[in-house]
Structure formats: C-alpha cells, structure tokens
C-alpha cells in the first residue's frame, strides 16, 4: 500500500472524471481535458465488476483507485531510487527546519602515525555539519612543531 493516500485520492477522482492536460502555452496549445471513459463508474453492473476483480485477485473493483495506487507506488518506489510526494508547503517547512537546526559539533583529532597511543594529537578540530573547516593557524603550527624527535615526518621538513 502507498504512503501517500492524498495523492491516491486525487488521482483516483481525476482518473474517473477525466484528467486535464496542461497543454503547451509556449506553442499556443490550451489545456485539454482527457476523458477516460473506461474508468468512469458507468459500465458493467457492480456485482459483475466485483466478480471480475475477485477472479483477477484484485483488492477491489475500483479501477481508478487501483490505477492511482499503482501509479503512486511506482513513483514512490522506482523513481530515482524511491521518491516521496510532498506538498510544496510541507517541503518548504522541512527545508526551513533543516536550515534552522542547530549544528552539532564533534571533535576530530588529527594524530601523527608516530604516536601509537593517540594521546598527543597534532591538532583537534571542532567539526560541524558545515561544508568547510576553519582552523586556528597558530594552534596547527604549534602542534606540528611539537612532533616527537623520533617522528618519521621530521625528515620531510
């Protein structure tokens, strides 16, 4: 079953009543109704439709709803590896909430390979969710100057 019942309800109603194609305003084509007579409620008697749906193993005989559920399921599971249908207002709120969320900082220690105990980091960087790291140059240089005399990196100086 789909996660987006509002999309299913809208699609089912529009499939039964007909869809409105938006046209092509850039080329002077106006919106055009697409009537789908096979999906309207007229046709075979309800009992016969229920029988055919049951024989086919379908959960109901409401063809527009079945198509709507299949379309939404397809979009949610197969479009770009899975997608969600979200109202623009909800998306805007989610984006604003993410932008307003406090950043969580953690400390990233940078150690030289010569320090097996990891107890004397060359540098400790506070890392947040930002896309760049700013360091105190003096601290970085002092940390590098404090390397052990046995450090194999001293030969690189």
Protein backbone atom coordinates (compact mmCIF):
# COMPACT_ATOMS: atom_id res chain seq x y z
CA UNK A 1 0.00 0.00 0.00
CA UNK A 2 1.19 3.50 -0.75
CA UNK A 3 2.31 6.02 1.86
CA UNK A 4 0.59 8.94 0.16
CA UNK A 5 -3.17 8.49 0.41
CA UNK A 6 -3.86 12.12 -0.54
CA UNK A 7 -2.18 11.57 -3.92
CA UNK A 8 -4.12 8.31 -4.40
CA UNK A 9 -7.43 10.01 -3.61
CA UNK A 10 -6.74 12.88 -6.02
CA UNK A 11 -5.58 10.61 -8.83
CA UNK A 12 -8.48 8.19 -8.39
CA UNK A 13 -11.02 11.02 -8.56
CA UNK A 14 -9.37 12.60 -11.59
CA UNK A 15 -8.95 9.30 -13.43
CA UNK A 16 -12.65 8.61 -13.03
CA UNK A 17 -13.75 12.14 -14.03
CA UNK A 18 -11.04 12.80 -16.61
CA UNK A 19 -7.64 14.45 -16.43
CA UNK A 20 -6.75 17.94 -17.60
CA UNK A 21 -3.63 18.01 -19.75
CA UNK A 22 -1.84 21.34 -19.15
CA UNK A 23 -1.34 21.96 -22.89
CA UNK A 24 1.69 23.81 -24.18
CA UNK A 25 1.30 27.57 -23.57
CA UNK A 26 4.63 28.28 -25.29
CA UNK A 27 3.18 26.93 -28.52
CA UNK A 28 -0.34 28.32 -28.09
CA UNK A 29 -1.89 24.99 -27.04
CA UNK A 30 -4.55 25.46 -24.33
CA UNK A 31 -5.23 22.94 -21.57
CA UNK A 32 -7.22 19.97 -22.88
CA UNK A 33 -9.48 17.58 -20.96
CA UNK A 34 -8.56 13.90 -21.35
CA UNK A 35 -11.69 11.84 -20.83
CA UNK A 36 -11.06 8.25 -19.85
CA UNK A 37 -14.44 6.55 -20.44
CA UNK A 38 -13.21 3.11 -19.40
CA UNK A 39 -12.56 4.44 -15.91
CA UNK A 40 -15.89 6.10 -15.22
CA UNK A 41 -18.39 4.48 -12.89
CA UNK A 42 -20.72 3.57 -15.75
CA UNK A 43 -20.37 0.22 -17.44
CA UNK A 44 -20.90 -3.28 -16.16
CA UNK A 45 -23.04 -3.94 -13.08
CA UNK A 46 -21.27 -3.61 -9.72
CA UNK A 47 -21.72 -7.31 -8.82
CA UNK A 48 -20.15 -8.36 -12.13
CA UNK A 49 -17.25 -5.93 -11.62
CA UNK A 50 -16.70 -7.32 -8.10
CA UNK A 51 -16.72 -10.86 -9.50
CA UNK A 52 -14.14 -9.98 -12.20
CA UNK A 53 -11.92 -8.18 -9.67
CA UNK A 54 -12.10 -11.17 -7.31
CA UNK A 55 -11.26 -13.58 -10.15
CA UNK A 56 -8.26 -11.40 -11.08
CA UNK A 57 -7.05 -11.32 -7.45
CA UNK A 58 -7.53 -7.56 -7.16
CA UNK A 59 -8.29 -5.95 -3.79
CA UNK A 60 -11.31 -4.10 -5.24
CA UNK A 61 -13.19 -3.37 -8.43
CA UNK A 62 -12.49 0.38 -8.23
CA UNK A 63 -10.28 0.63 -11.32
CA UNK A 64 -9.42 4.33 -10.93
CA UNK A 65 -8.29 3.71 -7.33
CA UNK A 66 -6.28 0.64 -8.33
CA UNK A 67 -4.55 2.62 -11.08
CA UNK A 68 -3.94 5.56 -8.72
CA UNK A 69 -2.41 3.26 -6.10
CA UNK A 70 -0.23 1.62 -8.75
CA UNK A 71 0.96 4.99 -10.11
CA UNK A 72 1.79 6.42 -6.67
CA UNK A 73 3.51 3.17 -5.67
CA UNK A 74 5.58 3.31 -8.86
CA UNK A 75 6.64 6.90 -8.15
CA UNK A 76 7.44 6.18 -4.50
CA UNK A 77 9.48 3.04 -5.17
CA UNK A 78 11.05 3.28 -8.61
CA UNK A 79 11.51 6.96 -9.46
CA UNK A 80 15.16 7.83 -8.82
CA UNK A 81 15.54 5.00 -6.32
CA UNK A 82 12.43 5.94 -4.37
CA UNK A 83 10.67 9.25 -4.04
CA UNK A 84 8.11 10.93 -1.86
CA UNK A 85 5.23 13.11 -2.90
CA UNK A 86 5.33 16.12 -0.59
CA UNK A 87 3.24 19.29 -0.75
CA UNK A 88 5.27 22.42 -1.52
CA UNK A 89 4.31 23.99 1.81
CA UNK A 90 5.47 20.92 3.73
CA UNK A 91 8.71 20.78 1.71
CA UNK A 92 9.39 24.47 2.38
CA UNK A 93 8.81 23.89 6.12
CA UNK A 94 11.13 20.87 6.16
CA UNK A 95 13.82 22.87 4.36
CA UNK A 96 13.42 25.77 6.80
CA UNK A 97 13.56 23.41 9.79
CA UNK A 98 16.77 21.88 8.44
CA UNK A 99 18.31 25.33 7.90
CA UNK A 100 17.32 26.42 11.43
CA UNK A 101 18.53 23.22 13.13
CA UNK A 102 21.44 23.77 15.48
CA UNK A 103 24.68 22.37 14.21
CA UNK A 104 26.14 19.57 16.23
CA UNK A 105 29.87 19.81 16.80
CA UNK A 106 32.25 16.99 17.50
CA UNK A 107 35.99 17.00 17.94
CA UNK A 108 38.13 15.39 15.25
CA UNK A 109 41.64 14.60 16.47
CA UNK A 110 44.49 14.61 13.95
CA UNK A 111 47.33 12.36 15.05
CA UNK A 112 50.71 11.57 13.54
CA UNK A 113 51.39 7.94 12.71
CA UNK A 114 54.36 8.04 15.09
CA UNK A 115 52.01 8.43 18.09
CA UNK A 116 50.64 4.91 18.62
CA UNK A 117 48.82 5.91 21.81
CA UNK A 118 46.78 8.62 20.08
CA UNK A 119 47.16 10.57 23.34
CA UNK A 120 49.01 13.56 21.85
CA UNK A 121 47.08 14.81 18.82
CA UNK A 122 48.78 17.27 16.50
CA UNK A 123 45.50 19.09 16.18
CA UNK A 124 41.93 18.86 17.36
CA UNK A 125 39.29 20.24 15.01
CA UNK A 126 35.75 21.08 16.04
CA UNK A 127 33.71 19.69 13.14
CA UNK A 128 30.10 20.68 12.47
CA UNK A 129 27.71 19.91 9.65
CA UNK A 130 29.13 22.78 7.61
CA UNK A 131 30.91 22.13 4.34
CA UNK A 132 34.24 23.62 5.38
CA UNK A 133 36.66 23.54 8.31
CA UNK A 134 38.33 26.62 9.76
CA UNK A 135 41.40 26.08 11.93
CA UNK A 136 43.48 28.28 14.18
CA UNK A 137 46.74 28.52 12.23
CA UNK A 138 48.85 29.14 15.34
CA UNK A 139 47.50 26.04 17.05
CA UNK A 140 48.10 23.99 13.94
CA UNK A 141 51.70 25.20 13.62
CA UNK A 142 52.41 24.68 17.35
CA UNK A 143 51.02 21.15 17.12
CA UNK A 144 53.22 20.40 14.16
CA UNK A 145 56.25 21.87 15.95
CA UNK A 146 55.67 19.53 18.92
CA UNK A 147 56.25 16.38 16.90
CA UNK A 148 58.37 13.77 18.55
CA UNK A 149 62.07 13.77 17.56
CA UNK A 150 61.52 10.13 16.57
CA UNK A 151 58.72 11.08 14.17
CA UNK A 152 59.49 9.90 10.64
CA UNK A 153 57.93 13.09 9.32
CA UNK A 154 60.76 15.25 10.70
CA UNK A 155 62.81 14.30 7.66
CA UNK A 156 60.21 15.98 5.46
CA UNK A 157 60.91 19.43 6.95
